Amino acid sequence: MTAQECGDNADRMVRKFIKKAKKEGIVEEYRSRARYKKPSVVRSENKAKRQRVIDKVNRDRNELFNPSTKRLAKRTRRRK
C-alpha cells in the first residue's frame, strides 16, 4: 500500500491497512499463536465454531420459511 494509492491521506491509509489486515486474518492469527493451545482445545473450539455457523444458517432458513410476527412487524413498521 502506498501513499499515492490513498491520495496522501494518512487516515485513509490506516483504515485501508486495518481492513486488509482483518480480511487476511493477520491479527486473529497472531492472537491465536500468542499462547499454546492443546490440540483437543483447538478441535473443540473449531467444533463449537462450526456448530454456531450451522445454528445460524438453520435459524435463518427457519425464519425464511416460517416468518415470525416480530420480524414482520419490524420490517413493515413505517417511519413518521
C-alpha atoms as a PDB file:
ATOM      1  CA  MET A   1       0.000   0.000   0.000  1.00  0.00           C
ATOM      2  CA  THR A   2       1.399   3.380  -0.956  1.00  0.00           C
ATOM      3  CA  ALA A   3       0.613   6.962  -0.010  1.00  0.00           C
ATOM      4  CA  GLN A   4      -0.279   7.768  -3.624  1.00  0.00           C
ATOM      5  CA  GLU A   5      -2.822   4.949  -3.570  1.00  0.00           C
ATOM      6  CA  CYS A   6      -4.651   6.723  -0.733  1.00  0.00           C
ATOM      7  CA  GLY A   7      -4.200  10.241  -2.032  1.00  0.00           C
ATOM      8  CA  ASP A   8      -1.612  11.124   0.639  1.00  0.00           C
ATOM      9  CA  ASN A   9      -4.333  10.832   3.289  1.00  0.00           C
ATOM     10  CA  ALA A  10      -2.934   9.183   6.431  1.00  0.00           C
ATOM     11  CA  ASP A  11      -6.355   8.372   7.924  1.00  0.00           C
ATOM     12  CA  ARG A  12      -7.477   6.646   4.750  1.00  0.00           C
ATOM     13  CA  MET A  13      -4.223   4.681   4.602  1.00  0.00           C
ATOM     14  CA  VAL A  14      -4.659   3.463   8.205  1.00  0.00           C
ATOM     15  CA  ARG A  15      -8.280   2.436   7.555  1.00  0.00           C
ATOM     16  CA  LYS A  16      -7.257   0.557   4.401  1.00  0.00           C
ATOM     17  CA  PHE A  17      -4.471  -1.221   6.262  1.00  0.00           C
ATOM     18  CA  ILE A  18      -6.795  -2.263   9.084  1.00  0.00           C
ATOM     19  CA  LYS A  19      -9.351  -3.561   6.581  1.00  0.00           C
ATOM     20  CA  LYS A  20      -6.702  -5.584   4.715  1.00  0.00           C
ATOM     21  CA  ALA A  21      -5.298  -6.998   7.955  1.00  0.00           C
ATOM     22  CA  LYS A  22      -8.767  -8.103   9.094  1.00  0.00           C
ATOM     23  CA  LYS A  23      -9.539  -9.638   5.713  1.00  0.00           C
ATOM     24  CA  GLU A  24      -6.316 -11.652   5.711  1.00  0.00           C
ATOM     25  CA  GLY A  25      -6.736 -12.637   9.387  1.00  0.00           C
ATOM     26  CA  ILE A  26      -3.322 -11.364  10.476  1.00  0.00           C
ATOM     27  CA  VAL A  27      -4.402 -10.092  13.900  1.00  0.00           C
ATOM     28  CA  GLU A  28      -6.551 -13.149  14.607  1.00  0.00           C
ATOM     29  CA  GLU A  29      -3.688 -15.479  13.711  1.00  0.00           C
ATOM     30  CA  TYR A  30      -1.273 -13.526  15.913  1.00  0.00           C
ATOM     31  CA  ARG A  31      -3.647 -13.774  18.873  1.00  0.00           C
ATOM     32  CA  SER A  32      -4.188 -17.478  18.316  1.00  0.00           C
ATOM     33  CA  ARG A  33      -0.423 -18.132  18.204  1.00  0.00           C
ATOM     34  CA  ALA A  34       0.374 -15.957  21.218  1.00  0.00           C
ATOM     35  CA  ARG A  35      -0.231 -18.855  23.627  1.00  0.00           C
ATOM     36  CA  TYR A  36      -0.099 -22.592  23.153  1.00  0.00           C
ATOM     37  CA  LYS A  37      -3.411 -24.426  22.921  1.00  0.00           C
ATOM     38  CA  LYS A  38      -3.683 -28.131  23.288  1.00  0.00           C
ATOM     39  CA  PRO A  39      -4.878 -29.875  20.115  1.00  0.00           C
ATOM     40  CA  SER A  40      -8.007 -31.067  21.923  1.00  0.00           C
ATOM     41  CA  VAL A  41      -8.896 -27.468  22.828  1.00  0.00           C
ATOM     42  CA  VAL A  42      -8.357 -26.341  19.224  1.00  0.00           C
ATOM     43  CA  ARG A  43     -10.607 -29.163  17.980  1.00  0.00           C
ATOM     44  CA  SER A  44     -13.345 -28.337  20.473  1.00  0.00           C
ATOM     45  CA  GLU A  45     -13.198 -24.617  19.554  1.00  0.00           C
ATOM     46  CA  ASN A  46     -13.431 -25.454  15.850  1.00  0.00           C
ATOM     47  CA  LYS A  47     -16.353 -27.781  16.536  1.00  0.00           C
ATOM     48  CA  ALA A  48     -18.166 -25.067  18.510  1.00  0.00           C
ATOM     49  CA  LYS A  49     -17.476 -22.544  15.736  1.00  0.00           C
ATOM     50  CA  ARG A  50     -18.913 -24.913  13.104  1.00  0.00           C
ATOM     51  CA  GLN A  51     -21.969 -25.528  15.266  1.00  0.00           C
ATOM     52  CA  ARG A  52     -22.591 -21.774  15.664  1.00  0.00           C
ATOM     53  CA  VAL A  53     -22.500 -21.354  11.882  1.00  0.00           C
ATOM     54  CA  ILE A  54     -24.865 -24.294  11.380  1.00  0.00           C
ATOM     55  CA  ASP A  55     -27.267 -22.935  14.007  1.00  0.00           C
ATOM     56  CA  LYS A  56     -27.244 -19.508  12.368  1.00  0.00           C
ATOM     57  CA  VAL A  57     -27.955 -20.951   8.910  1.00  0.00           C
ATOM     58  CA  ASN A  58     -30.761 -23.101  10.286  1.00  0.00           C
ATOM     59  CA  ARG A  59     -32.236 -20.145  12.187  1.00  0.00           C
ATOM     60  CA  ASP A  60     -32.179 -18.016   9.026  1.00  0.00           C
ATOM     61  CA  ARG A  61     -33.690 -20.854   6.982  1.00  0.00           C
ATOM     62  CA  ASN A  62     -36.485 -21.359   9.503  1.00  0.00           C
ATOM     63  CA  GLU A  63     -37.155 -17.632   9.577  1.00  0.00           C
ATOM     64  CA  LEU A  64     -37.364 -17.587   5.789  1.00  0.00           C
ATOM     65  CA  PHE A  65     -39.946 -20.359   5.638  1.00  0.00           C
ATOM     66  CA  ASN A  66     -41.803 -19.549   8.877  1.00  0.00           C
ATOM     67  CA  PRO A  67     -41.558 -15.791   9.471  1.00  0.00           C
ATOM     68  CA  SER A  68     -42.343 -14.694  13.000  1.00  0.00           C
ATOM     69  CA  THR A  69     -44.626 -11.780  13.684  1.00  0.00           C
ATOM     70  CA  LYS A  70     -41.884  -9.805  15.478  1.00  0.00           C
ATOM     71  CA  ARG A  71     -39.607  -9.656  12.437  1.00  0.00           C
ATOM     72  CA  LEU A  72     -42.518  -8.896  10.129  1.00  0.00           C
ATOM     73  CA  ALA A  73     -43.584  -6.073  12.411  1.00  0.00           C
ATOM     74  CA  LYS A  74     -40.072  -4.621  12.283  1.00  0.00           C
ATOM     75  CA  ARG A  75     -39.981  -4.748   8.500  1.00  0.00           C
ATOM     76  CA  THR A  76     -43.425  -3.265   7.953  1.00  0.00           C
ATOM     77  CA  ARG A  77     -43.115  -0.522  10.559  1.00  0.00           C
ATOM     78  CA  ARG A  78     -43.076   2.871   8.887  1.00  0.00           C
ATOM     79  CA  ARG A  79     -41.282   5.989   9.964  1.00  0.00           C
ATOM     80  CA  LYS A  80     -43.270   9.111  10.690  1.00  0.00           C
END
